[in-house]
Amino acid sequence: MDKTLDKISQGKFLKITKLPTGDIKSQLIRLGLSEGDKLKCTHKLPGGTIVVKKNRQEIAIGFDLAKKIKIHELNEL
């Protein structure tokens, strides 16, 4: 079942199914995030910031942006 990144629980695995369009998508790709990537949510910080881990890189995503990223929750990577 697809949902948005802001709904993921800490410690869960996910796959990015859709990024927002436009400049935001370009910025996320430059950070190393693209559609189809499999990640782990390592932290949910106060204020809604979500920290995801891809390989050994951790990326913090603000709450407003996380609401625009569609994901599919996975059981494992």
Protein backbone atom coordinates (compact mmCIF):
# COMPACT_ATOMS: atom_id res chain seq x y z
CA MET A 1 0.00 0.00 0.00
CA ASP A 2 1.47 3.34 -1.04
CA LYS A 3 1.62 6.32 1.30
CA THR A 4 3.76 9.41 1.79
CA LEU A 5 7.14 9.52 3.52
CA ASP A 6 5.81 11.53 6.49
CA LYS A 7 3.69 8.48 7.48
CA ILE A 8 6.60 6.01 7.81
CA SER A 9 7.58 4.73 11.25
CA GLN A 10 11.12 4.85 12.60
CA GLY A 11 13.05 1.66 11.84
CA LYS A 12 10.90 0.73 8.81
CA PHE A 13 12.11 0.05 5.28
CA LEU A 14 10.66 1.76 2.22
CA LYS A 15 10.92 2.18 -1.52
CA ILE A 16 10.44 5.57 -3.17
CA THR A 17 7.67 5.23 -5.76
CA LYS A 18 7.22 8.88 -6.82
CA LEU A 19 9.13 12.11 -6.25
CA PRO A 20 7.56 15.57 -6.61
CA THR A 21 8.13 17.18 -10.00
CA GLY A 22 10.21 20.20 -10.94
CA ASP A 23 13.17 21.72 -9.15
CA ILE A 24 12.51 19.72 -5.98
CA LYS A 25 12.95 16.47 -7.91
CA SER A 26 16.28 17.73 -9.32
CA GLN A 27 17.47 18.64 -5.83
CA LEU A 28 16.52 15.23 -4.43
CA ILE A 29 18.33 13.47 -7.28
CA ARG A 30 21.44 15.56 -6.54
CA LEU A 31 21.19 14.39 -2.92
CA GLY A 32 21.18 10.82 -4.22
CA LEU A 33 17.47 10.04 -3.91
CA SER A 34 15.55 8.74 -6.91
CA GLU A 35 12.42 6.74 -7.67
CA GLY A 36 12.94 3.03 -6.99
CA ASP A 37 15.50 3.59 -4.20
CA LYS A 38 15.19 1.36 -1.15
CA LEU A 39 15.84 3.12 2.16
CA LYS A 40 15.49 2.75 5.92
CA CYS A 41 13.87 5.38 8.13
CA THR A 42 16.44 5.77 10.90
CA HIS A 43 14.89 8.71 12.81
CA LYS A 44 11.73 10.78 13.10
CA LEU A 45 12.72 14.03 14.74
CA PRO A 46 10.53 16.52 16.63
CA GLY A 47 8.97 18.88 14.13
CA GLY A 48 8.46 16.11 11.58
CA THR A 49 11.92 15.84 10.00
CA ILE A 50 12.60 12.33 8.73
CA VAL A 51 16.09 10.85 8.43
CA VAL A 52 16.49 8.09 5.85
CA LYS A 53 19.53 5.93 5.23
CA LYS A 54 20.68 4.84 1.77
CA ASN A 55 23.70 2.55 1.90
CA ARG A 56 25.89 4.41 4.43
CA GLN A 57 24.53 7.90 3.70
CA GLU A 58 21.90 9.54 5.92
CA ILE A 59 19.64 12.24 4.46
CA ALA A 60 17.34 14.48 6.51
CA ILE A 61 14.06 15.43 4.81
CA GLY A 62 11.78 18.13 6.18
CA PHE A 63 8.14 17.37 6.99
CA ASP A 64 6.66 19.48 4.17
CA LEU A 65 8.84 17.76 1.57
CA ALA A 66 8.23 14.31 3.09
CA LYS A 67 4.47 14.81 2.52
CA LYS A 68 5.18 15.09 -1.24
CA ILE A 69 7.27 11.90 -1.60
CA LYS A 70 5.26 8.74 -2.33
CA ILE A 71 6.60 5.51 -0.87
CA HIS A 72 5.80 1.84 -0.51
CA GLU A 73 6.62 0.22 2.84
CA LEU A 74 8.83 -2.88 2.67
CA ASN A 75 9.47 -5.72 5.13
CA GLU A 76 13.23 -5.63 4.44
CA LEU A 77 15.74 -4.05 2.05
